[in-house]
Amino acid sequence: MRVEPIQVGRAEIRSVEDLIAFHRRIRPYILRRLAEFKKSFEEGNEAIFEELVFCILAAGASARMGVRGVEALRGVLLSAPAEELAERLQGLHLYPASRAKYIAETRDYLASKFRFRLKELILSFDDAMGRRDFFAKNRHIKGIGYKGASHFLRNIGFSGYAILDKHVLRGLAGLGVIEGGRPPSTRRQYLEIESKMREFAERVGIPLDEMDFVLWAARTGMILK
């Protein structure tokens, strides 16, 4: 799904009041983007895989790098070998060869194991946790962990996942929700921080699915993906 960054301007969030005011100002843009994400799931398997590729490319790099990479690969994602994918990523990504390999291996696994019926696969899970665990813990799905799996599922319209990237973690730390801003390195740590973020979101009246947008936009000045 092609998206353009929505420029909203950075904000200094020093208090809950600052957070709520910023959320109120940018919420129409957040809701518009969330609605766009739901459409990508309805577009079918190729669009769903494109969002997974975005998350593979964004992991350890940046959302902008993920967007640029997907644009370069669109049209050949389902067919090109890793070498061609890497060539197309040259100059656009920090790790063109490794990310191209991740994409090709993940694609081939999903094709051989599930006949690339990604929509059917994702809907087969009865609970949100199991759905995310499948993508985060599966050794055949390369290049993403809990943050990437959460990001992927949010970007295809599934709710209830916290995307704990560096901007979100620093924002939470600045508001006293967590101590420090170090990224979680285990599933248990991820779920603990996610739980704290969920409780905080409920307390201040900002839906969890919108909270990471607010914290990310405050530090970057934009709403992207």
Foldseek 3Di string as FASTA:
>chain_A
DDDDKAFQFAADDQELVSLVVLCVVCVVVLVVQLVVLQVLLVVFLVSLLLLLLLLLQPFVHHSQLSNQLSVLCPPCLLPDQLVVSLVSSVPSGPCSNVSSNLSRQLNVCCCVPVVSRVSVVLVVDPDPVVSLCCQAVPPSNPRHHNLSSLSSCSSNNDDDHANLDQQLLVLCCSHVLDPDRDDDDDPVVRVVSSVSLCVVCVVSVHGRSCSVQSSVCNVVSIRTD
